C-alpha atoms as a PDB file:
ATOM      1  CA  UNK A   1       0.029   0.085   0.077  1.00  0.00           C
ATOM      2  CA  UNK A   2       1.597   3.326  -0.944  1.00  0.00           C
ATOM      3  CA  UNK A   3       0.130   7.047  -0.093  1.00  0.00           C
ATOM      4  CA  UNK A   4      -3.896   6.491   0.821  1.00  0.00           C
ATOM      5  CA  UNK A   5      -4.493   4.016  -1.961  1.00  0.00           C
ATOM      6  CA  UNK A   6      -6.088   2.604   1.152  1.00  0.00           C
ATOM      7  CA  UNK A   7      -8.657   4.341   3.379  1.00  0.00           C
ATOM      8  CA  UNK A   8      -7.197   5.055   6.981  1.00  0.00           C
ATOM      9  CA  UNK A   9      -8.802   3.535  10.364  1.00  0.00           C
ATOM     10  CA  UNK A  10      -6.647   3.759  12.943  1.00  0.00           C
ATOM     11  CA  UNK A  11      -6.019   5.103  16.371  1.00  0.00           C
ATOM     12  CA  UNK A  12      -3.436   7.078  18.449  1.00  0.00           C
ATOM     13  CA  UNK A  13      -1.256   5.843  20.849  1.00  0.00           C
ATOM     14  CA  UNK A  14      -1.403   9.036  23.024  1.00  0.00           C
ATOM     15  CA  UNK A  15       0.237   8.334  26.557  1.00  0.00           C
ATOM     16  CA  UNK A  16       2.894   6.297  25.701  1.00  0.00           C
ATOM     17  CA  UNK A  17       5.884   8.612  24.551  1.00  0.00           C
ATOM     18  CA  UNK A  18       4.343  11.676  26.163  1.00  0.00           C
ATOM     19  CA  UNK A  19       2.833  11.288  29.365  1.00  0.00           C
ATOM     20  CA  UNK A  20      -0.663  12.438  30.176  1.00  0.00           C
ATOM     21  CA  UNK A  21      -2.213  12.623  33.524  1.00  0.00           C
ATOM     22  CA  UNK A  22      -5.730  11.617  31.712  1.00  0.00           C
ATOM     23  CA  UNK A  23      -4.212   8.193  29.838  1.00  0.00           C
ATOM     24  CA  UNK A  24      -2.147   6.797  32.663  1.00  0.00           C
ATOM     25  CA  UNK A  25      -2.875   8.414  35.962  1.00  0.00           C
ATOM     26  CA  UNK A  26      -1.316   6.028  37.959  1.00  0.00           C
ATOM     27  CA  UNK A  27       2.061   7.699  36.707  1.00  0.00           C
ATOM     28  CA  UNK A  28       1.180  10.499  38.856  1.00  0.00           C
ATOM     29  CA  UNK A  29      -0.851   9.205  42.006  1.00  0.00           C
ATOM     30  CA  UNK A  30       0.497  11.187  45.061  1.00  0.00           C
ATOM     31  CA  UNK A  31       2.868  13.182  42.992  1.00  0.00           C
ATOM     32  CA  UNK A  32       0.763  16.519  42.717  1.00  0.00           C
ATOM     33  CA  UNK A  33       2.169  16.511  39.199  1.00  0.00           C
ATOM     34  CA  UNK A  34      -0.064  17.278  36.025  1.00  0.00           C
ATOM     35  CA  UNK A  35       2.753  17.058  33.589  1.00  0.00           C
ATOM     36  CA  UNK A  36       5.932  15.335  32.657  1.00  0.00           C
ATOM     37  CA  UNK A  37       8.219  18.596  33.560  1.00  0.00           C
ATOM     38  CA  UNK A  38       6.212  18.347  36.926  1.00  0.00           C
ATOM     39  CA  UNK A  39       6.576  14.781  37.432  1.00  0.00           C
ATOM     40  CA  UNK A  40      10.485  14.727  37.101  1.00  0.00           C
ATOM     41  CA  UNK A  41      11.022  17.556  39.394  1.00  0.00           C
ATOM     42  CA  UNK A  42       9.019  15.882  42.266  1.00  0.00           C
ATOM     43  CA  UNK A  43      10.326  12.151  41.773  1.00  0.00           C
ATOM     44  CA  UNK A  44      14.111  13.506  40.719  1.00  0.00           C
ATOM     45  CA  UNK A  45      15.945  12.368  37.470  1.00  0.00           C
ATOM     46  CA  UNK A  46      16.942   9.298  38.739  1.00  0.00           C
ATOM     47  CA  UNK A  47      13.314   7.604  39.607  1.00  0.00           C
ATOM     48  CA  UNK A  48      11.688   9.321  36.991  1.00  0.00           C
ATOM     49  CA  UNK A  49      13.439   7.870  34.438  1.00  0.00           C
ATOM     50  CA  UNK A  50      13.307   4.458  35.940  1.00  0.00           C
ATOM     51  CA  UNK A  51       9.416   5.136  36.084  1.00  0.00           C
ATOM     52  CA  UNK A  52       9.433   6.147  32.541  1.00  0.00           C
ATOM     53  CA  UNK A  53      11.501   3.254  31.442  1.00  0.00           C
ATOM     54  CA  UNK A  54       8.935   0.630  32.910  1.00  0.00           C
ATOM     55  CA  UNK A  55       6.077   2.581  31.443  1.00  0.00           C
ATOM     56  CA  UNK A  56       7.974   2.163  27.716  1.00  0.00           C
ATOM     57  CA  UNK A  57       7.965  -0.866  28.504  1.00  0.00           C
ATOM     58  CA  UNK A  58       4.832  -2.189  29.043  1.00  0.00           C
ATOM     59  CA  UNK A  59       2.227   0.419  28.484  1.00  0.00           C
ATOM     60  CA  UNK A  60       1.758  -0.772  24.729  1.00  0.00           C
ATOM     61  CA  UNK A  61       3.099  -4.399  23.530  1.00  0.00           C
ATOM     62  CA  UNK A  62       2.897  -6.325  20.814  1.00  0.00           C
ATOM     63  CA  UNK A  63      -0.330  -7.683  21.937  1.00  0.00           C
ATOM     64  CA  UNK A  64      -1.774  -4.308  21.119  1.00  0.00           C
ATOM     65  CA  UNK A  65      -0.885  -4.251  17.906  1.00  0.00           C
ATOM     66  CA  UNK A  66      -2.451  -8.015  17.489  1.00  0.00           C
ATOM     67  CA  UNK A  67      -6.267  -6.717  19.049  1.00  0.00           C
ATOM     68  CA  UNK A  68      -5.773  -3.275  16.751  1.00  0.00           C
ATOM     69  CA  UNK A  69      -5.358  -5.555  13.716  1.00  0.00           C
ATOM     70  CA  UNK A  70      -7.875  -8.237  14.663  1.00  0.00           C
ATOM     71  CA  UNK A  71     -10.585  -5.325  15.314  1.00  0.00           C
ATOM     72  CA  UNK A  72      -9.927  -3.871  11.919  1.00  0.00           C
ATOM     73  CA  UNK A  73      -7.489  -0.822  12.361  1.00  0.00           C
ATOM     74  CA  UNK A  74      -4.824  -0.442   9.932  1.00  0.00           C
ATOM     75  CA  UNK A  75      -2.903   2.114  10.941  1.00  0.00           C
ATOM     76  CA  UNK A  76      -1.873   4.116  13.911  1.00  0.00           C
ATOM     77  CA  UNK A  77      -0.733   7.754  14.958  1.00  0.00           C
ATOM     78  CA  UNK A  78       1.982   8.026  16.905  1.00  0.00           C
ATOM     79  CA  UNK A  79       2.790  11.257  19.107  1.00  0.00           C
ATOM     80  CA  UNK A  80       6.658  11.790  19.862  1.00  0.00           C
ATOM     81  CA  UNK A  81       8.034  14.021  21.775  1.00  0.00           C
ATOM     82  CA  UNK A  82      11.238  16.636  20.702  1.00  0.00           C
ATOM     83  CA  UNK A  83      13.144  14.417  23.067  1.00  0.00           C
ATOM     84  CA  UNK A  84      12.484  11.052  21.591  1.00  0.00           C
ATOM     85  CA  UNK A  85      16.077  10.626  20.611  1.00  0.00           C
ATOM     86  CA  UNK A  86      17.292  11.535  24.004  1.00  0.00           C
ATOM     87  CA  UNK A  87      18.238  15.045  25.416  1.00  0.00           C
ATOM     88  CA  UNK A  88      20.816  15.906  28.179  1.00  0.00           C
ATOM     89  CA  UNK A  89      21.044  19.889  27.076  1.00  0.00           C
ATOM     90  CA  UNK A  90      18.562  21.378  29.632  1.00  0.00           C
ATOM     91  CA  UNK A  91      17.796  21.235  33.405  1.00  0.00           C
ATOM     92  CA  UNK A  92      15.972  17.848  32.799  1.00  0.00           C
ATOM     93  CA  UNK A  93      17.327  14.836  31.590  1.00  0.00           C
ATOM     94  CA  UNK A  94      15.323  13.063  28.858  1.00  0.00           C
ATOM     95  CA  UNK A  95      15.851   9.317  28.511  1.00  0.00           C
ATOM     96  CA  UNK A  96      15.765   8.129  24.903  1.00  0.00           C
ATOM     97  CA  UNK A  97      12.772   6.809  23.359  1.00  0.00           C
ATOM     98  CA  UNK A  98      13.788   5.620  19.939  1.00  0.00           C
ATOM     99  CA  UNK A  99      13.947   2.034  20.763  1.00  0.00           C
ATOM    100  CA  UNK A 100      10.214   1.564  21.389  1.00  0.00           C
ATOM    101  CA  UNK A 101       9.237   3.468  18.225  1.00  0.00           C
ATOM    102  CA  UNK A 102      11.481   0.765  16.282  1.00  0.00           C
ATOM    103  CA  UNK A 103       9.530  -1.667  18.150  1.00  0.00           C
ATOM    104  CA  UNK A 104       6.058   0.061  17.161  1.00  0.00           C
ATOM    105  CA  UNK A 105       7.425  -0.198  13.918  1.00  0.00           C
ATOM    106  CA  UNK A 106       8.385  -3.886  13.651  1.00  0.00           C
ATOM    107  CA  UNK A 107       5.223  -4.579  15.146  1.00  0.00           C
ATOM    108  CA  UNK A 108       3.079  -2.664  12.762  1.00  0.00           C
ATOM    109  CA  UNK A 109       4.966  -4.268   9.811  1.00  0.00           C
ATOM    110  CA  UNK A 110       4.418  -7.624  11.367  1.00  0.00           C
ATOM    111  CA  UNK A 111       0.219  -7.354  11.805  1.00  0.00           C
ATOM    112  CA  UNK A 112       0.120  -4.908   8.269  1.00  0.00           C
ATOM    113  CA  UNK A 113      -0.632  -1.885   9.911  1.00  0.00           C
ATOM    114  CA  UNK A 114       0.996   1.310   9.136  1.00  0.00           C
ATOM    115  CA  UNK A 115       2.373   4.188  11.477  1.00  0.00           C
ATOM    116  CA  UNK A 116       1.791   7.933  11.319  1.00  0.00           C
ATOM    117  CA  UNK A 117       4.840   9.623  13.353  1.00  0.00           C
ATOM    118  CA  UNK A 118       3.533  12.637  14.735  1.00  0.00           C
ATOM    119  CA  UNK A 119       6.136  15.203  16.178  1.00  0.00           C
ATOM    120  CA  UNK A 120       3.993  16.503  19.122  1.00  0.00           C
ATOM    121  CA  UNK A 121       5.905  18.298  21.204  1.00  0.00           C
ATOM    122  CA  UNK A 122       8.747  21.156  20.606  1.00  0.00           C
ATOM    123  CA  UNK A 123      11.172  23.178  22.683  1.00  0.00           C
ATOM    124  CA  UNK A 124       9.101  26.249  24.258  1.00  0.00           C
ATOM    125  CA  UNK A 125       5.958  24.738  23.642  1.00  0.00           C
ATOM    126  CA  UNK A 126       3.331  24.924  20.737  1.00  0.00           C
ATOM    127  CA  UNK A 127       0.427  25.536  22.567  1.00  0.00           C
ATOM    128  CA  UNK A 128      -2.351  22.881  21.566  1.00  0.00           C
ATOM    129  CA  UNK A 129      -5.167  23.927  19.210  1.00  0.00           C
ATOM    130  CA  UNK A 130      -7.383  21.174  20.733  1.00  0.00           C
ATOM    131  CA  UNK A 131      -6.805  23.212  24.403  1.00  0.00           C
ATOM    132  CA  UNK A 132      -9.744  25.917  25.037  1.00  0.00           C
ATOM    133  CA  UNK A 133      -8.388  29.708  24.953  1.00  0.00           C
ATOM    134  CA  UNK A 134      -8.445  29.671  28.955  1.00  0.00           C
ATOM    135  CA  UNK A 135      -5.980  26.966  29.828  1.00  0.00           C
ATOM    136  CA  UNK A 136      -2.148  27.440  30.262  1.00  0.00           C
ATOM    137  CA  UNK A 137      -1.475  24.531  27.598  1.00  0.00           C
ATOM    138  CA  UNK A 138      -1.538  27.234  25.007  1.00  0.00           C
ATOM    139  CA  UNK A 139       1.234  29.101  26.015  1.00  0.00           C
ATOM    140  CA  UNK A 140       3.208  29.162  22.406  1.00  0.00           C
ATOM    141  CA  UNK A 141       6.733  30.144  22.894  1.00  0.00           C
ATOM    142  CA  UNK A 142       8.331  27.408  20.352  1.00  0.00           C
ATOM    143  CA  UNK A 143       8.642  30.048  17.696  1.00  0.00           C
ATOM    144  CA  UNK A 144      10.688  32.368  20.243  1.00  0.00           C
ATOM    145  CA  UNK A 145      13.396  30.235  21.519  1.00  0.00           C
ATOM    146  CA  UNK A 146      16.897  30.405  19.861  1.00  0.00           C
ATOM    147  CA  UNK A 147      16.862  27.090  18.929  1.00  0.00           C
ATOM    148  CA  UNK A 148      13.460  25.855  18.880  1.00  0.00           C
ATOM    149  CA  UNK A 149      13.015  25.649  15.083  1.00  0.00           C
ATOM    150  CA  UNK A 150      16.537  23.823  14.696  1.00  0.00           C
ATOM    151  CA  UNK A 151      15.551  20.966  17.648  1.00  0.00           C
ATOM    152  CA  UNK A 152      12.357  20.309  15.692  1.00  0.00           C
ATOM    153  CA  UNK A 153      13.739  20.143  12.467  1.00  0.00           C
ATOM    154  CA  UNK A 154      16.561  18.134  13.332  1.00  0.00           C
ATOM    155  CA  UNK A 155      14.303  15.394  15.000  1.00  0.00           C
ATOM    156  CA  UNK A 156      12.150  15.056  12.152  1.00  0.00           C
ATOM    157  CA  UNK A 157      15.412  15.027   9.822  1.00  0.00           C
ATOM    158  CA  UNK A 158      16.443  12.328  12.314  1.00  0.00           C
ATOM    159  CA  UNK A 159      13.128  10.099  12.135  1.00  0.00           C
ATOM    160  CA  UNK A 160      12.829  10.363   8.542  1.00  0.00           C
ATOM    161  CA  UNK A 161      16.315   8.987   7.868  1.00  0.00           C
ATOM    162  CA  UNK A 162      15.553   6.081  10.038  1.00  0.00           C
ATOM    163  CA  UNK A 163      12.252   5.485   9.110  1.00  0.00           C
ATOM    164  CA  UNK A 164      12.165   6.834   5.825  1.00  0.00           C
ATOM    165  CA  UNK A 165      12.196   3.396   3.602  1.00  0.00           C
ATOM    166  CA  UNK A 166      10.524   1.348   6.666  1.00  0.00           C
ATOM    167  CA  UNK A 167       7.962  -0.635   4.792  1.00  0.00           C
ATOM    168  CA  UNK A 168       5.503   0.269   7.865  1.00  0.00           C
ATOM    169  CA  UNK A 169       5.928   4.126   8.010  1.00  0.00           C
ATOM    170  CA  UNK A 170       2.695   5.615   6.732  1.00  0.00           C
ATOM    171  CA  UNK A 171       4.063   9.030   6.999  1.00  0.00           C
ATOM    172  CA  UNK A 172       5.395  12.128   9.089  1.00  0.00           C
ATOM    173  CA  UNK A 173       3.166  14.906  10.757  1.00  0.00           C
ATOM    174  CA  UNK A 174       5.630  17.738  10.922  1.00  0.00           C
ATOM    175  CA  UNK A 175       3.939  19.528  14.123  1.00  0.00           C
ATOM    176  CA  UNK A 176       0.730  17.919  16.073  1.00  0.00           C
ATOM    177  CA  UNK A 177      -1.885  20.714  16.603  1.00  0.00           C
ATOM    178  CA  UNK A 178      -0.197  24.233  16.919  1.00  0.00           C
ATOM    179  CA  UNK A 179      -2.058  26.915  18.159  1.00  0.00           C
ATOM    180  CA  UNK A 180      -2.060  29.466  15.459  1.00  0.00           C
ATOM    181  CA  UNK A 181      -2.218  33.170  15.453  1.00  0.00           C
ATOM    182  CA  UNK A 182      -4.980  34.700  13.526  1.00  0.00           C
ATOM    183  CA  UNK A 183      -6.705  38.102  12.850  1.00  0.00           C
ATOM    184  CA  UNK A 184      -9.609  39.169  15.096  1.00  0.00           C
ATOM    185  CA  UNK A 185     -10.743  42.420  13.751  1.00  0.00           C
ATOM    186  CA  UNK A 186      -9.100  45.039  11.642  1.00  0.00           C
ATOM    187  CA  UNK A 187      -6.264  45.469  14.068  1.00  0.00           C
ATOM    188  CA  UNK A 188      -6.270  42.162  16.702  1.00  0.00           C
ATOM    189  CA  UNK A 189      -4.440  39.115  16.602  1.00  0.00           C
ATOM    190  CA  UNK A 190      -5.084  36.313  18.503  1.00  0.00           C
ATOM    191  CA  UNK A 191      -1.874  34.538  20.757  1.00  0.00           C
ATOM    192  CA  UNK A 192       0.170  31.841  19.263  1.00  0.00           C
ATOM    193  CA  UNK A 193       2.561  31.517  16.693  1.00  0.00           C
ATOM    194  CA  UNK A 194       2.347  33.630  13.181  1.00  0.00           C
ATOM    195  CA  UNK A 195       1.140  31.887  10.275  1.00  0.00           C
ATOM    196  CA  UNK A 196       3.781  32.881   8.175  1.00  0.00           C
ATOM    197  CA  UNK A 197       6.459  31.087  10.689  1.00  0.00           C
ATOM    198  CA  UNK A 198       4.474  27.625  10.325  1.00  0.00           C
ATOM    199  CA  UNK A 199       3.881  28.091   6.612  1.00  0.00           C
ATOM    200  CA  UNK A 200       7.743  28.621   6.526  1.00  0.00           C
ATOM    201  CA  UNK A 201       8.657  25.925   9.325  1.00  0.00           C
ATOM    202  CA  UNK A 202       6.131  23.228   7.016  1.00  0.00           C
ATOM    203  CA  UNK A 203       8.162  23.966   4.003  1.00  0.00           C
ATOM    204  CA  UNK A 204      11.437  24.025   5.192  1.00  0.00           C
ATOM    205  CA  UNK A 205      10.010  20.364   6.980  1.00  0.00           C
ATOM    206  CA  UNK A 206       8.863  19.081   3.809  1.00  0.00           C
ATOM    207  CA  UNK A 207      12.206  19.868   1.891  1.00  0.00           C
ATOM    208  CA  UNK A 208      13.958  17.620   4.560  1.00  0.00           C
ATOM    209  CA  UNK A 209      11.764  14.519   5.187  1.00  0.00           C
ATOM    210  CA  UNK A 210      10.929  14.060   1.099  1.00  0.00           C
ATOM    211  CA  UNK A 211      14.973  13.902   0.640  1.00  0.00           C
ATOM    212  CA  UNK A 212      14.777  11.136   3.263  1.00  0.00           C
ATOM    213  CA  UNK A 213      11.666   9.238   2.151  1.00  0.00           C
ATOM    214  CA  UNK A 214       9.742   8.128  -1.219  1.00  0.00           C
ATOM    215  CA  UNK A 215       6.776  10.218  -2.122  1.00  0.00           C
ATOM    216  CA  UNK A 216       4.517   7.114  -1.170  1.00  0.00           C
ATOM    217  CA  UNK A 217       4.802   8.360   2.485  1.00  0.00           C
ATOM    218  CA  UNK A 218       2.774  11.457   3.468  1.00  0.00           C
ATOM    219  CA  UNK A 219       3.790  14.695   4.699  1.00  0.00           C
ATOM    220  CA  UNK A 220       0.858  15.654   7.346  1.00  0.00           C
ATOM    221  CA  UNK A 221       0.304  19.500   8.612  1.00  0.00           C
ATOM    222  CA  UNK A 222      -2.232  20.335  11.123  1.00  0.00           C
ATOM    223  CA  UNK A 223      -4.867  22.969  10.044  1.00  0.00           C
ATOM    224  CA  UNK A 224      -4.812  24.268  13.330  1.00  0.00           C
ATOM    225  CA  UNK A 225      -8.269  24.777  13.871  1.00  0.00           C
ATOM    226  CA  UNK A 226      -8.783  26.604  10.645  1.00  0.00           C
ATOM    227  CA  UNK A 227      -8.562  24.864   7.514  1.00  0.00           C
ATOM    228  CA  UNK A 228      -9.929  27.856   5.531  1.00  0.00           C
ATOM    229  CA  UNK A 229      -6.417  29.444   6.300  1.00  0.00           C
ATOM    230  CA  UNK A 230      -4.388  27.005   3.514  1.00  0.00           C
ATOM    231  CA  UNK A 231      -5.335  28.081   0.299  1.00  0.00           C
ATOM    232  CA  UNK A 232      -3.010  28.264  -2.058  1.00  0.00           C
ATOM    233  CA  UNK A 233      -0.286  26.490   0.195  1.00  0.00           C
ATOM    234  CA  UNK A 234       2.424  23.810  -0.663  1.00  0.00           C
ATOM    235  CA  UNK A 235       0.702  23.901  -4.430  1.00  0.00           C
ATOM    236  CA  UNK A 236       3.557  23.803  -6.471  1.00  0.00           C
ATOM    237  CA  UNK A 237       4.171  20.428  -8.176  1.00  0.00           C
ATOM    238  CA  UNK A 238       7.200  19.678  -6.216  1.00  0.00           C
ATOM    239  CA  UNK A 239       4.815  19.182  -2.976  1.00  0.00           C
ATOM    240  CA  UNK A 240       3.637  15.410  -3.683  1.00  0.00           C
ATOM    241  CA  UNK A 241       1.435  13.434  -0.660  1.00  0.00           C
ATOM    242  CA  UNK A 242       0.562  16.267   1.609  1.00  0.00           C
ATOM    243  CA  UNK A 243      -2.135  15.866   3.701  1.00  0.00           C
ATOM    244  CA  UNK A 244      -3.599  18.562   5.974  1.00  0.00           C
ATOM    245  CA  UNK A 245      -4.651  17.251  10.099  1.00  0.00           C
ATOM    246  CA  UNK A 246      -8.013  18.270  11.240  1.00  0.00           C
ATOM    247  CA  UNK A 247      -9.026  17.666  14.837  1.00  0.00           C
ATOM    248  CA  UNK A 248     -12.826  17.130  15.413  1.00  0.00           C
ATOM    249  CA  UNK A 249     -14.200  17.157  18.892  1.00  0.00           C
ATOM    250  CA  UNK A 250     -17.361  17.931  20.520  1.00  0.00           C
ATOM    251  CA  UNK A 251     -16.988  18.412  24.139  1.00  0.00           C
ATOM    252  CA  UNK A 252     -16.303  21.627  24.863  1.00  0.00           C
ATOM    253  CA  UNK A 253     -16.636  25.826  24.468  1.00  0.00           C
ATOM    254  CA  UNK A 254     -18.328  26.656  21.370  1.00  0.00           C
ATOM    255  CA  UNK A 255     -18.104  22.945  19.570  1.00  0.00           C
ATOM    256  CA  UNK A 256     -20.058  21.033  22.688  1.00  0.00           C
ATOM    257  CA  UNK A 257     -22.882  19.248  21.478  1.00  0.00           C
ATOM    258  CA  UNK A 258     -25.546  17.373  23.632  1.00  0.00           C
ATOM    259  CA  UNK A 259     -26.279  14.180  22.253  1.00  0.00           C
ATOM    260  CA  UNK A 260     -29.184  13.382  23.604  1.00  0.00           C
ATOM    261  CA  UNK A 261     -31.099  15.170  21.389  1.00  0.00           C
ATOM    262  CA  UNK A 262     -30.935  14.033  17.420  1.00  0.00           C
ATOM    263  CA  UNK A 263     -30.630  18.240  16.923  1.00  0.00           C
ATOM    264  CA  UNK A 264     -27.068  17.951  18.564  1.00  0.00           C
ATOM    265  CA  UNK A 265     -25.956  14.695  16.589  1.00  0.00           C
ATOM    266  CA  UNK A 266     -26.986  16.567  13.174  1.00  0.00           C
ATOM    267  CA  UNK A 267     -24.966  19.588  14.591  1.00  0.00           C
ATOM    268  CA  UNK A 268     -21.774  17.345  15.202  1.00  0.00           C
ATOM    269  CA  UNK A 269     -22.372  15.872  11.873  1.00  0.00           C
ATOM    270  CA  UNK A 270     -23.008  19.087   9.859  1.00  0.00           C
ATOM    271  CA  UNK A 271     -19.619  20.631  11.660  1.00  0.00           C
ATOM    272  CA  UNK A 272     -17.278  17.929  10.771  1.00  0.00           C
ATOM    273  CA  UNK A 273     -18.515  17.396   6.726  1.00  0.00           C
ATOM    274  CA  UNK A 274     -17.835  21.576   6.451  1.00  0.00           C
ATOM    275  CA  UNK A 275     -14.361  21.531   7.889  1.00  0.00           C
ATOM    276  CA  UNK A 276     -13.639  18.736   6.075  1.00  0.00           C
ATOM    277  CA  UNK A 277     -15.040  19.915   3.100  1.00  0.00           C
ATOM    278  CA  UNK A 278     -13.217  23.237   3.633  1.00  0.00           C
ATOM    279  CA  UNK A 279     -10.157  21.383   3.859  1.00  0.00           C
ATOM    280  CA  UNK A 280     -10.211  19.625   0.883  1.00  0.00           C
ATOM    281  CA  UNK A 281     -11.388  22.736  -1.304  1.00  0.00           C
ATOM    282  CA  UNK A 282      -7.501  23.788  -0.217  1.00  0.00           C
ATOM    283  CA  UNK A 283      -6.420  21.073  -1.958  1.00  0.00           C
ATOM    284  CA  UNK A 284      -5.207  18.359   0.107  1.00  0.00           C
ATOM    285  CA  UNK A 285      -6.453  14.969   1.041  1.00  0.00           C
ATOM    286  CA  UNK A 286      -7.924  15.219   4.639  1.00  0.00           C
ATOM    287  CA  UNK A 287      -6.970  13.018   7.220  1.00  0.00           C
ATOM    288  CA  UNK A 288      -9.005  13.189  10.740  1.00  0.00           C
ATOM    289  CA  UNK A 289      -5.890  13.084  13.333  1.00  0.00           C
ATOM    290  CA  UNK A 290      -8.117  12.897  16.343  1.00  0.00           C
ATOM    291  CA  UNK A 291     -11.608  12.599  17.104  1.00  0.00           C
ATOM    292  CA  UNK A 292     -13.604  10.957  20.129  1.00  0.00           C
ATOM    293  CA  UNK A 293     -16.904   9.928  21.408  1.00  0.00           C
ATOM    294  CA  UNK A 294     -16.586  12.713  24.051  1.00  0.00           C
ATOM    295  CA  UNK A 295     -19.859  15.010  24.054  1.00  0.00           C
ATOM    296  CA  UNK A 296     -22.322  16.493  26.551  1.00  0.00           C
ATOM    297  CA  UNK A 297     -25.011  14.585  28.009  1.00  0.00           C
ATOM    298  CA  UNK A 298     -27.282  16.714  28.987  1.00  0.00           C
ATOM    299  CA  UNK A 299     -30.063  14.741  31.197  1.00  0.00           C
ATOM    300  CA  UNK A 300     -28.165  13.979  34.824  1.00  0.00           C
ATOM    301  CA  UNK A 301     -30.541  10.928  34.457  1.00  0.00           C
ATOM    302  CA  UNK A 302     -28.630   9.198  31.964  1.00  0.00           C
ATOM    303  CA  UNK A 303     -27.882   5.852  32.863  1.00  0.00           C
ATOM    304  CA  UNK A 304     -24.416   3.831  32.132  1.00  0.00           C
ATOM    305  CA  UNK A 305     -26.362   1.765  29.314  1.00  0.00           C
ATOM    306  CA  UNK A 306     -27.765   5.084  28.415  1.00  0.00           C
ATOM    307  CA  UNK A 307     -24.680   6.465  27.658  1.00  0.00           C
ATOM    308  CA  UNK A 308     -23.443   3.903  26.283  1.00  0.00           C
ATOM    309  CA  UNK A 309     -26.313   3.804  23.448  1.00  0.00           C
ATOM    310  CA  UNK A 310     -26.248   7.422  22.777  1.00  0.00           C
ATOM    311  CA  UNK A 311     -22.224   7.508  22.278  1.00  0.00           C
ATOM    312  CA  UNK A 312     -22.675   4.035  20.054  1.00  0.00           C
ATOM    313  CA  UNK A 313     -24.989   6.146  18.049  1.00  0.00           C
ATOM    314  CA  UNK A 314     -22.783   9.111  18.065  1.00  0.00           C
ATOM    315  CA  UNK A 315     -19.993   7.269  17.125  1.00  0.00           C
ATOM    316  CA  UNK A 316     -21.407   6.025  14.235  1.00  0.00           C
ATOM    317  CA  UNK A 317     -22.896   9.293  12.829  1.00  0.00           C
ATOM    318  CA  UNK A 318     -19.260  10.736  13.195  1.00  0.00           C
ATOM    319  CA  UNK A 319     -18.284   7.828  11.336  1.00  0.00           C
ATOM    320  CA  UNK A 320     -20.561   8.587   8.555  1.00  0.00           C
ATOM    321  CA  UNK A 321     -19.505  12.302   8.377  1.00  0.00           C
ATOM    322  CA  UNK A 322     -15.729  11.329   7.701  1.00  0.00           C
ATOM    323  CA  UNK A 323     -16.861   9.941   4.290  1.00  0.00           C
ATOM    324  CA  UNK A 324     -14.815  12.788   2.401  1.00  0.00           C
ATOM    325  CA  UNK A 325     -11.849  12.149   4.484  1.00  0.00           C
ATOM    326  CA  UNK A 326      -9.005   9.857   3.469  1.00  0.00           C
ATOM    327  CA  UNK A 327      -8.707   8.358   6.979  1.00  0.00           C
ATOM    328  CA  UNK A 328      -9.266   8.842  10.749  1.00  0.00           C
ATOM    329  CA  UNK A 329      -7.337   8.389  14.094  1.00  0.00           C
ATOM    330  CA  UNK A 330      -9.489   7.679  17.168  1.00  0.00           C
ATOM    331  CA  UNK A 331      -8.477   9.184  20.223  1.00  0.00           C
ATOM    332  CA  UNK A 332      -6.887   6.489  21.793  1.00  0.00           C
ATOM    333  CA  UNK A 333      -6.355   3.355  21.964  1.00  0.00           C
ATOM    334  CA  UNK A 334      -6.481   2.830  25.855  1.00  0.00           C
ATOM    335  CA  UNK A 335      -6.159   4.803  28.897  1.00  0.00           C
ATOM    336  CA  UNK A 336      -5.879   2.839  32.398  1.00  0.00           C
ATOM    337  CA  UNK A 337      -9.211   3.584  33.791  1.00  0.00           C
ATOM    338  CA  UNK A 338     -11.088   2.521  30.420  1.00  0.00           C
ATOM    339  CA  UNK A 339     -12.203   6.124  29.799  1.00  0.00           C
ATOM    340  CA  UNK A 340     -15.562   5.129  27.613  1.00  0.00           C
ATOM    341  CA  UNK A 341     -15.269   8.368  25.583  1.00  0.00           C
ATOM    342  CA  UNK A 342     -11.855   8.135  24.785  1.00  0.00           C
ATOM    343  CA  UNK A 343     -10.646   4.629  25.043  1.00  0.00           C
ATOM    344  CA  UNK A 344     -11.268   2.794  21.534  1.00  0.00           C
ATOM    345  CA  UNK A 345     -11.122  -0.516  23.490  1.00  0.00           C
ATOM    346  CA  UNK A 346     -14.457   0.551  24.838  1.00  0.00           C
ATOM    347  CA  UNK A 347     -15.960   2.756  22.671  1.00  0.00           C
ATOM    348  CA  UNK A 348     -15.400   1.063  18.818  1.00  0.00           C
ATOM    349  CA  UNK A 349     -15.377  -2.432  20.349  1.00  0.00           C
ATOM    350  CA  UNK A 350     -19.107  -2.952  19.759  1.00  0.00           C
ATOM    351  CA  UNK A 351     -19.114  -1.611  16.149  1.00  0.00           C
ATOM    352  CA  UNK A 352     -19.682  -4.135  13.530  1.00  0.00           C
ATOM    353  CA  UNK A 353     -16.510  -4.378  11.585  1.00  0.00           C
ATOM    354  CA  UNK A 354     -18.343  -3.256   8.370  1.00  0.00           C
ATOM    355  CA  UNK A 355     -19.113   0.504  10.229  1.00  0.00           C
ATOM    356  CA  UNK A 356     -15.257   0.896  11.118  1.00  0.00           C
ATOM    357  CA  UNK A 357     -14.441  -0.137   7.354  1.00  0.00           C
END
């Protein structure tokens, strides 16, 4: 399979190489830490590194790939940090995770799956356009750091060199979901990374990774929540097999929908289709890099069985709304607490394989 000749039906492997408290709360239990930096500061480098090694070793195994393939998934989206090759250059130590990425590639090949490598963190922070505007995660200082751009390009180059010819590589996503600065009115710009900075970074990153891997591998960039802003981007003939990634969530802020009402589900489906169509109008195939079953259930009296039924209808409606996309990745494959809206083993397991296909 090359490029997008086969429709992508995948899951994210969130929380494996970038710790997330909602995915693996046991790693953060009784520490008071809410992210990796705080966790290392609380535990100290030695204990933190040992805990991290155990987590890398056990959180995802060959059994997971076996089960994913059996359910009907043909791809994984694998978020990796900028220090995936290790780093000793700052006040925090980062042990390498690359040997475990090697394992993921081998397991994917064994079970006829593909891997989209996603550069999900950068020095200084890229913000995260999945987050609400009031959360501290939206601090996007990467573009202001002295070597942030260089570090990001260097890790992409190393990833492309290592895996560019690997049969299991679907492609490389150049940055996960950076907050982009956009115009609000005549004179105001929102906080975030300037669009021209992102455009130049993506062009340079494309040149680097494409030189290391064949045209059949994808190069993916994030819509940053604004697919309409990428018209005439990378439109020259030298740009081959470029995809736009849109993330489609429906559980907060102005995107929240109440799935206990038919109107809520129809609004969500219409929004999905509209954003995918907008992205495609810019000239790119579209991947839904992240989506989930999370939404609003307005009635406090909804039983667990009722919730499961509503979410099942919602999931099938969302899958139908992705018809014009080249594929999708559910967020995420597994969580320690088996969170129903977010854990694919719970959310998607009841679906007939034909619905996933």
